């Protein structure tokens, strides 16, 4: 038997992680593994607002622009797509699978009315950036004050 150094913090955290996993599986909060886990994936998104635009930035690594679909309807932006699983090797023994695959669909209610015909999207290095120009009526306007 090998002698191992005792690291109490790491050991306690691993016990807590295992207990969390057991409770999550028991109460159905997260599927255990395999194909069910594939359906859970969705990209992380940042939504910001400038004076002229609403900017949505999403992390979608390992996808191409053809795998992603954007729609804007009734002031709701929907980002959907599918991250396909790479070819599995039949003779490989997997010890751990942490990367997520599958379809996703995220919808966001936009905080202001946008000009749908001027929406622009770009995709580079796994980052999708969507720029939604605000309508003129919702942009702040400066009104001069006349003193008499």
N, C-alpha and C. Protein backbone atom coordinates (compact mmCIF):
# COMPACT_ATOMS: atom_id res chain seq x y z
N UNK A 1 0.84 -1.18 0.00
CA UNK A 1 0.00 0.00 0.00
C UNK A 1 0.89 1.24 0.00
N UNK A 2 0.56 2.20 -0.85
CA UNK A 2 1.36 3.41 -0.96
C UNK A 2 0.97 4.39 0.15
N UNK A 3 1.94 5.17 0.58
CA UNK A 3 1.70 6.20 1.59
C UNK A 3 1.29 7.47 0.86
N UNK A 4 0.17 8.04 1.27
CA UNK A 4 -0.33 9.27 0.66
C UNK A 4 -0.36 10.37 1.68
N UNK A 5 -0.04 11.56 1.24
CA UNK A 5 -0.08 12.72 2.11
C UNK A 5 -1.54 13.12 2.35
N UNK A 6 -1.86 13.40 3.59
CA UNK A 6 -3.22 13.79 3.94
C UNK A 6 -3.42 15.27 3.68
N UNK A 7 -4.40 15.58 2.87
CA UNK A 7 -4.73 16.97 2.56
C UNK A 7 -6.18 17.17 2.95
N UNK A 8 -6.43 17.65 4.17
CA UNK A 8 -7.80 17.69 4.68
C UNK A 8 -8.75 18.54 3.85
N UNK A 9 -8.29 19.67 3.35
CA UNK A 9 -9.21 20.54 2.59
C UNK A 9 -9.67 19.85 1.31
N UNK A 10 -8.73 19.26 0.57
CA UNK A 10 -9.08 18.57 -0.66
C UNK A 10 -10.00 17.39 -0.39
N UNK A 11 -9.72 16.64 0.66
CA UNK A 11 -10.54 15.48 0.99
C UNK A 11 -11.95 15.89 1.38
N UNK A 12 -12.08 16.96 2.16
CA UNK A 12 -13.42 17.43 2.56
C UNK A 12 -14.20 17.91 1.33
N UNK A 13 -13.53 18.65 0.44
CA UNK A 13 -14.21 19.16 -0.76
C UNK A 13 -14.66 18.02 -1.66
N UNK A 14 -13.86 16.97 -1.79
CA UNK A 14 -14.26 15.85 -2.64
C UNK A 14 -15.46 15.11 -2.03
N UNK A 15 -15.52 15.02 -0.72
CA UNK A 15 -16.67 14.40 -0.06
C UNK A 15 -17.91 15.26 -0.29
N UNK A 16 -17.77 16.60 -0.18
CA UNK A 16 -18.90 17.49 -0.41
C UNK A 16 -19.36 17.40 -1.87
N UNK A 17 -18.43 17.37 -2.81
CA UNK A 17 -18.80 17.25 -4.23
C UNK A 17 -19.57 15.95 -4.48
N UNK A 18 -19.12 14.87 -3.88
CA UNK A 18 -19.80 13.58 -4.06
C UNK A 18 -21.20 13.60 -3.45
N UNK A 19 -21.34 14.21 -2.27
CA UNK A 19 -22.67 14.31 -1.64
C UNK A 19 -23.60 15.18 -2.49
N UNK A 20 -23.10 16.30 -3.01
CA UNK A 20 -23.91 17.15 -3.89
C UNK A 20 -24.37 16.38 -5.12
N UNK A 21 -23.47 15.61 -5.72
CA UNK A 21 -23.83 14.82 -6.90
C UNK A 21 -24.91 13.80 -6.56
N UNK A 22 -24.77 13.13 -5.43
CA UNK A 22 -25.76 12.14 -5.03
C UNK A 22 -27.14 12.77 -4.81
N UNK A 23 -27.20 13.90 -4.12
CA UNK A 23 -28.48 14.58 -3.89
C UNK A 23 -29.08 15.07 -5.19
N UNK A 24 -28.25 15.64 -6.07
CA UNK A 24 -28.75 16.12 -7.35
C UNK A 24 -29.35 14.99 -8.18
N UNK A 25 -28.66 13.86 -8.22
CA UNK A 25 -29.18 12.71 -8.98
C UNK A 25 -30.46 12.18 -8.34
N UNK A 26 -30.50 12.10 -7.02
CA UNK A 26 -31.67 11.56 -6.34
C UNK A 26 -32.91 12.41 -6.57
N UNK A 27 -32.75 13.75 -6.48
CA UNK A 27 -33.90 14.64 -6.64
C UNK A 27 -34.14 15.04 -8.08
N UNK A 28 -33.36 14.50 -9.01
CA UNK A 28 -33.60 14.74 -10.42
C UNK A 28 -33.18 16.11 -10.92
N UNK A 29 -32.32 16.80 -10.19
CA UNK A 29 -31.91 18.13 -10.63
C UNK A 29 -30.97 18.07 -11.82
N UNK A 30 -30.13 17.07 -11.89
CA UNK A 30 -29.24 16.92 -13.03
C UNK A 30 -29.21 15.45 -13.41
N UNK A 31 -29.26 15.15 -14.69
CA UNK A 31 -29.14 13.75 -15.10
C UNK A 31 -27.76 13.22 -14.75
N UNK A 32 -27.69 11.93 -14.56
CA UNK A 32 -26.45 11.33 -14.11
C UNK A 32 -25.33 11.43 -15.14
N UNK A 33 -25.47 10.84 -16.28
CA UNK A 33 -24.43 10.85 -17.29
C UNK A 33 -24.99 10.38 -18.62
N UNK A 34 -24.12 10.33 -19.61
CA UNK A 34 -24.49 9.78 -20.90
C UNK A 34 -25.35 10.73 -21.72
N UNK A 35 -26.29 10.15 -22.48
CA UNK A 35 -27.10 10.93 -23.42
C UNK A 35 -27.95 11.98 -22.72
N UNK A 36 -28.42 11.69 -21.51
CA UNK A 36 -29.24 12.67 -20.80
C UNK A 36 -28.44 13.93 -20.51
N UNK A 37 -27.15 13.78 -20.26
CA UNK A 37 -26.31 14.94 -19.95
C UNK A 37 -26.14 15.83 -21.18
N UNK A 38 -26.18 15.24 -22.37
CA UNK A 38 -26.02 16.01 -23.59
C UNK A 38 -27.11 17.07 -23.72
N UNK A 39 -28.32 16.79 -23.27
CA UNK A 39 -29.42 17.74 -23.43
C UNK A 39 -29.34 18.92 -22.48
N UNK A 40 -28.44 18.87 -21.50
CA UNK A 40 -28.34 19.93 -20.51
C UNK A 40 -27.50 21.11 -20.97
N UNK A 41 -26.70 20.96 -21.99
CA UNK A 41 -25.73 21.96 -22.37
C UNK A 41 -26.39 23.21 -22.93
N UNK A 42 -25.90 24.36 -22.49
CA UNK A 42 -26.29 25.62 -23.11
C UNK A 42 -25.13 26.60 -22.92
N UNK A 43 -24.92 27.47 -23.90
CA UNK A 43 -23.77 28.36 -23.82
C UNK A 43 -23.95 29.45 -22.77
N UNK A 44 -22.84 29.92 -22.22
CA UNK A 44 -22.85 31.04 -21.29
C UNK A 44 -22.97 32.33 -22.10
N UNK A 45 -23.75 33.28 -21.59
CA UNK A 45 -24.08 34.49 -22.36
C UNK A 45 -23.91 35.73 -21.48
N UNK A 46 -23.40 36.81 -22.09
CA UNK A 46 -23.37 38.13 -21.47
C UNK A 46 -24.28 39.04 -22.29
N UNK A 47 -25.12 39.82 -21.63
CA UNK A 47 -25.97 40.79 -22.31
C UNK A 47 -25.61 42.15 -21.74
N UNK A 48 -25.21 43.07 -22.62
CA UNK A 48 -24.85 44.42 -22.18
C UNK A 48 -25.57 45.44 -23.05
N UNK A 49 -25.56 46.66 -22.58
CA UNK A 49 -26.27 47.72 -23.29
C UNK A 49 -25.41 48.97 -23.34
N UNK A 50 -25.31 49.55 -24.52
CA UNK A 50 -24.65 50.84 -24.69
C UNK A 50 -25.72 51.86 -25.06
N UNK A 51 -25.30 53.05 -25.36
CA UNK A 51 -26.27 54.09 -25.72
C UNK A 51 -27.00 53.75 -27.02
N UNK A 52 -26.30 53.08 -27.95
CA UNK A 52 -26.89 52.80 -29.27
C UNK A 52 -27.26 51.35 -29.50
N UNK A 53 -26.67 50.41 -28.76
CA UNK A 53 -26.84 48.99 -29.06
C UNK A 53 -27.09 48.15 -27.81
N UNK A 54 -27.69 47.00 -28.06
CA UNK A 54 -27.72 45.92 -27.08
C UNK A 54 -26.77 44.87 -27.64
N UNK A 55 -25.82 44.41 -26.83
CA UNK A 55 -24.81 43.48 -27.30
C UNK A 55 -24.95 42.17 -26.51
N UNK A 56 -25.07 41.08 -27.25
CA UNK A 56 -25.16 39.75 -26.65
C UNK A 56 -23.91 38.99 -27.10
N UNK A 57 -23.16 38.47 -26.12
CA UNK A 57 -21.95 37.71 -26.41
C UNK A 57 -22.12 36.31 -25.82
N UNK A 58 -21.93 35.29 -26.65
CA UNK A 58 -22.12 33.91 -26.20
C UNK A 58 -20.88 33.08 -26.48
N UNK A 59 -20.57 32.18 -25.56
CA UNK A 59 -19.47 31.24 -25.75
C UNK A 59 -20.02 29.97 -26.38
N UNK A 60 -19.61 29.70 -27.61
CA UNK A 60 -20.05 28.49 -28.31
C UNK A 60 -18.84 27.81 -28.96
N UNK A 61 -17.90 27.32 -28.15
CA UNK A 61 -16.70 26.70 -28.71
C UNK A 61 -17.00 25.39 -29.41
N UNK A 62 -16.21 25.10 -30.43
CA UNK A 62 -16.35 23.83 -31.14
C UNK A 62 -17.51 23.80 -32.11
N UNK A 63 -18.11 24.95 -32.40
CA UNK A 63 -19.22 25.01 -33.34
C UNK A 63 -18.83 25.87 -34.53
N UNK A 64 -19.55 25.71 -35.63
CA UNK A 64 -19.36 26.56 -36.78
C UNK A 64 -20.55 27.51 -36.86
N UNK A 65 -20.42 28.54 -37.68
CA UNK A 65 -21.53 29.49 -37.80
C UNK A 65 -22.78 28.83 -38.38
N UNK A 66 -22.61 27.75 -39.13
CA UNK A 66 -23.76 27.04 -39.69
C UNK A 66 -24.52 26.23 -38.65
N UNK A 67 -23.89 25.96 -37.50
CA UNK A 67 -24.52 25.20 -36.42
C UNK A 67 -25.41 26.08 -35.54
N UNK A 68 -25.36 27.41 -35.75
CA UNK A 68 -26.04 28.35 -34.87
C UNK A 68 -27.15 29.07 -35.63
N UNK A 69 -28.30 29.24 -34.99
CA UNK A 69 -29.44 29.94 -35.60
C UNK A 69 -29.88 31.07 -34.66
N UNK A 70 -30.06 32.27 -35.22
CA UNK A 70 -30.52 33.43 -34.46
C UNK A 70 -31.87 33.89 -35.00
N UNK A 71 -32.79 34.19 -34.09
CA UNK A 71 -34.08 34.77 -34.49
C UNK A 71 -34.46 35.86 -33.49
N UNK A 72 -35.12 36.90 -34.00
CA UNK A 72 -35.64 37.96 -33.15
C UNK A 72 -37.11 38.10 -33.49
N UNK A 73 -37.95 37.96 -32.47
CA UNK A 73 -39.40 38.04 -32.68
C UNK A 73 -40.05 38.59 -31.41
N UNK A 74 -40.91 39.57 -31.58
CA UNK A 74 -41.62 40.18 -30.45
C UNK A 74 -40.65 40.61 -29.34
N UNK A 75 -39.54 41.21 -29.76
CA UNK A 75 -38.54 41.73 -28.83
C UNK A 75 -37.87 40.64 -27.98
N UNK A 76 -37.83 39.42 -28.53
CA UNK A 76 -37.16 38.31 -27.86
C UNK A 76 -36.12 37.74 -28.82
N UNK A 77 -34.86 37.70 -28.37
CA UNK A 77 -33.78 37.11 -29.15
C UNK A 77 -33.65 35.64 -28.76
N UNK A 78 -33.62 34.78 -29.76
CA UNK A 78 -33.44 33.35 -29.51
C UNK A 78 -32.17 32.88 -30.21
N UNK A 79 -31.29 32.25 -29.45
CA UNK A 79 -30.06 31.67 -29.97
C UNK A 79 -30.21 30.16 -29.81
N UNK A 80 -30.12 29.43 -30.91
CA UNK A 80 -30.26 27.97 -30.83
C UNK A 80 -29.21 27.32 -31.72
N UNK A 81 -29.02 26.04 -31.51
CA UNK A 81 -28.06 25.32 -32.32
C UNK A 81 -27.79 23.94 -31.75
N UNK A 82 -26.78 23.30 -32.31
CA UNK A 82 -26.41 21.97 -31.84
C UNK A 82 -24.91 21.80 -31.93
N UNK A 83 -24.34 21.38 -30.82
CA UNK A 83 -22.92 21.05 -30.77
C UNK A 83 -22.82 19.55 -30.93
N UNK A 84 -22.28 19.12 -32.06
CA UNK A 84 -22.25 17.71 -32.39
C UNK A 84 -21.09 17.00 -31.70
N UNK A 85 -21.36 15.76 -31.31
CA UNK A 85 -20.36 14.93 -30.66
C UNK A 85 -19.37 14.45 -31.71
N UNK A 86 -18.10 14.50 -31.37
CA UNK A 86 -17.07 14.02 -32.28
C UNK A 86 -17.20 12.51 -32.45
N UNK A 87 -16.59 11.97 -33.48
CA UNK A 87 -16.65 10.54 -33.75
C UNK A 87 -16.05 9.76 -32.58
N UNK A 88 -16.81 8.81 -32.08
CA UNK A 88 -16.33 7.98 -30.97
C UNK A 88 -15.45 6.87 -31.51
N UNK A 89 -14.39 6.59 -30.79
CA UNK A 89 -13.51 5.50 -31.16
C UNK A 89 -13.98 4.24 -30.45
N UNK A 90 -14.18 3.18 -31.21
CA UNK A 90 -14.72 1.94 -30.65
C UNK A 90 -13.75 1.25 -29.70
N UNK A 91 -12.45 1.37 -29.96
CA UNK A 91 -11.47 0.66 -29.13
C UNK A 91 -10.93 1.52 -27.98
N UNK A 92 -11.46 2.72 -27.81
CA UNK A 92 -10.98 3.61 -26.74
C UNK A 92 -11.75 3.36 -25.45
N UNK A 93 -11.04 3.41 -24.35
CA UNK A 93 -11.64 3.30 -23.03
C UNK A 93 -11.67 4.69 -22.42
N UNK A 94 -12.84 5.28 -22.31
CA UNK A 94 -12.93 6.62 -21.73
C UNK A 94 -12.94 6.51 -20.21
N UNK A 95 -12.11 7.30 -19.57
CA UNK A 95 -12.07 7.35 -18.11
C UNK A 95 -12.87 8.53 -17.58
N UNK A 96 -13.04 9.55 -18.43
CA UNK A 96 -13.77 10.74 -18.01
C UNK A 96 -14.26 11.46 -19.26
N UNK A 97 -15.52 11.87 -19.24
CA UNK A 97 -16.09 12.68 -20.32
C UNK A 97 -16.72 13.90 -19.67
N UNK A 98 -16.13 15.07 -19.91
CA UNK A 98 -16.62 16.30 -19.29
C UNK A 98 -17.15 17.29 -20.31
N UNK A 99 -16.78 17.16 -21.57
CA UNK A 99 -17.25 18.10 -22.57
C UNK A 99 -18.72 17.83 -22.86
N UNK A 100 -19.46 18.89 -23.11
CA UNK A 100 -20.90 18.78 -23.31
C UNK A 100 -21.25 18.88 -24.79
N UNK A 101 -22.28 18.15 -25.17
CA UNK A 101 -22.74 18.13 -26.55
C UNK A 101 -24.26 18.15 -26.55
N UNK A 102 -24.82 18.44 -27.70
CA UNK A 102 -26.26 18.37 -27.86
C UNK A 102 -26.86 19.68 -28.32
N UNK A 103 -28.18 19.70 -28.40
CA UNK A 103 -28.91 20.89 -28.84
C UNK A 103 -29.10 21.85 -27.68
N UNK A 104 -29.24 23.13 -28.01
CA UNK A 104 -29.54 24.13 -27.01
C UNK A 104 -30.45 25.18 -27.62
N UNK A 105 -31.15 25.89 -26.75
CA UNK A 105 -32.01 26.99 -27.17
C UNK A 105 -32.09 27.96 -26.00
N UNK A 106 -31.62 29.19 -26.20
CA UNK A 106 -31.68 30.21 -25.17
C UNK A 106 -32.45 31.40 -25.72
N UNK A 107 -33.36 31.94 -24.92
CA UNK A 107 -34.14 33.11 -25.34
C UNK A 107 -33.96 34.22 -24.31
N UNK A 108 -33.89 35.45 -24.82
CA UNK A 108 -33.67 36.62 -23.98
C UNK A 108 -34.65 37.72 -24.36
N UNK A 109 -35.35 38.23 -23.37
CA UNK A 109 -36.20 39.39 -23.63
C UNK A 109 -35.30 40.61 -23.66
N UNK A 110 -35.38 41.35 -24.75
CA UNK A 110 -34.51 42.50 -24.92
C UNK A 110 -35.02 43.68 -24.11
N UNK A 111 -34.11 44.42 -23.46
CA UNK A 111 -34.54 45.52 -22.59
C UNK A 111 -35.04 46.75 -23.35
N UNK A 112 -34.87 46.78 -24.66
CA UNK A 112 -35.35 47.93 -25.45
C UNK A 112 -35.75 47.44 -26.83
N UNK A 113 -36.53 48.26 -27.54
CA UNK A 113 -36.93 47.93 -28.90
C UNK A 113 -35.73 48.07 -29.82
N UNK A 114 -35.55 47.12 -30.72
CA UNK A 114 -34.40 47.13 -31.61
C UNK A 114 -34.85 47.26 -33.06
N UNK A 115 -33.89 47.67 -33.91
CA UNK A 115 -34.11 47.73 -35.35
C UNK A 115 -33.75 46.37 -35.93
N UNK A 116 -34.74 45.56 -36.21
CA UNK A 116 -34.51 44.17 -36.61
C UNK A 116 -33.72 44.06 -37.91
N UNK A 117 -33.92 45.00 -38.83
CA UNK A 117 -33.25 44.92 -40.13
C UNK A 117 -31.77 45.29 -40.06
N UNK A 118 -31.28 45.79 -38.93
CA UNK A 118 -29.88 46.21 -38.80
C UNK A 118 -29.10 45.35 -37.80
N UNK A 119 -29.65 44.22 -37.39
CA UNK A 119 -28.96 43.33 -36.44
C UNK A 119 -27.76 42.71 -37.15
N UNK A 120 -26.61 42.69 -36.44
CA UNK A 120 -25.39 42.11 -37.00
C UNK A 120 -24.86 41.06 -36.03
N UNK A 121 -24.29 40.00 -36.59
CA UNK A 121 -23.69 38.95 -35.77
C UNK A 121 -22.35 38.56 -36.36
N UNK A 122 -21.40 38.27 -35.47
CA UNK A 122 -20.09 37.79 -35.91
C UNK A 122 -19.69 36.61 -35.04
N UNK A 123 -18.85 35.74 -35.60
CA UNK A 123 -18.40 34.55 -34.89
C UNK A 123 -16.91 34.37 -35.13
N UNK A 124 -16.14 34.36 -34.03
CA UNK A 124 -14.70 34.17 -34.15
C UNK A 124 -14.17 33.50 -32.90
N UNK A 125 -13.35 32.47 -33.08
CA UNK A 125 -12.68 31.77 -31.98
C UNK A 125 -13.66 31.29 -30.91
N UNK A 126 -14.81 30.80 -31.31
CA UNK A 126 -15.78 30.25 -30.36
C UNK A 126 -16.64 31.28 -29.65
N UNK A 127 -16.54 32.55 -30.04
CA UNK A 127 -17.33 33.62 -29.42
C UNK A 127 -18.30 34.19 -30.46
N UNK A 128 -19.57 34.14 -30.14
CA UNK A 128 -20.62 34.71 -30.98
C UNK A 128 -20.99 36.07 -30.40
N UNK A 129 -20.92 37.10 -31.23
CA UNK A 129 -21.24 38.46 -30.78
C UNK A 129 -22.38 38.99 -31.65
N UNK A 130 -23.48 39.37 -30.98
CA UNK A 130 -24.66 39.87 -31.67
C UNK A 130 -24.87 41.32 -31.26
N UNK A 131 -24.95 42.20 -32.24
CA UNK A 131 -25.17 43.61 -31.98
C UNK A 131 -26.55 43.99 -32.48
N UNK A 132 -27.40 44.45 -31.57
CA UNK A 132 -28.78 44.81 -31.89
C UNK A 132 -28.96 46.31 -31.70
N UNK A 133 -29.02 47.08 -32.80
CA UNK A 133 -29.17 48.53 -32.68
C UNK A 133 -30.53 48.91 -32.11
N UNK A 134 -30.53 49.86 -31.20
CA UNK A 134 -31.78 50.32 -30.60
C UNK A 134 -32.56 51.18 -31.60
N UNK A 135 -33.86 51.16 -31.47
CA UNK A 135 -34.70 52.03 -32.29
C UNK A 135 -34.47 53.47 -31.86
N UNK A 136 -34.69 54.37 -32.79
CA UNK A 136 -34.46 55.79 -32.50
C UNK A 136 -35.34 56.30 -31.37
N UNK A 137 -36.57 55.79 -31.25
CA UNK A 137 -37.48 56.31 -30.23
C UNK A 137 -37.07 55.94 -28.81
N UNK A 138 -36.22 54.91 -28.64
CA UNK A 138 -35.81 54.54 -27.29
C UNK A 138 -34.43 55.08 -26.92
N UNK A 139 -33.72 55.66 -27.88
CA UNK A 139 -32.43 56.25 -27.57
C UNK A 139 -32.63 57.53 -26.77
N UNK A 140 -31.77 57.77 -25.80
CA UNK A 140 -31.91 59.01 -25.02
C UNK A 140 -31.65 60.23 -25.90
N UNK A 141 -32.47 61.24 -25.72
CA UNK A 141 -32.31 62.48 -26.48
C UNK A 141 -32.10 63.62 -25.51
N UNK A 142 -31.19 64.50 -25.89
CA UNK A 142 -30.91 65.67 -25.07
C UNK A 142 -31.83 66.80 -25.51
N UNK A 143 -32.50 67.39 -24.56
CA UNK A 143 -33.44 68.48 -24.84
C UNK A 143 -32.87 69.75 -24.22
N UNK A 144 -32.62 70.75 -25.06
CA UNK A 144 -32.08 72.01 -24.50
C UNK A 144 -33.14 72.76 -23.71
N UNK A 145 -32.69 73.45 -22.68
CA UNK A 145 -33.61 74.22 -21.84
C UNK A 145 -33.39 75.71 -22.14
N UNK A 146 -34.44 76.38 -22.54
CA UNK A 146 -34.38 77.82 -22.77
C UNK A 146 -34.74 78.56 -21.51
N UNK A 147 -33.89 79.47 -21.12
CA UNK A 147 -34.15 80.27 -19.94
C UNK A 147 -34.63 81.64 -20.41
N UNK A 148 -35.81 82.06 -19.94
CA UNK A 148 -36.33 83.37 -20.34
C UNK A 148 -36.51 84.28 -19.17
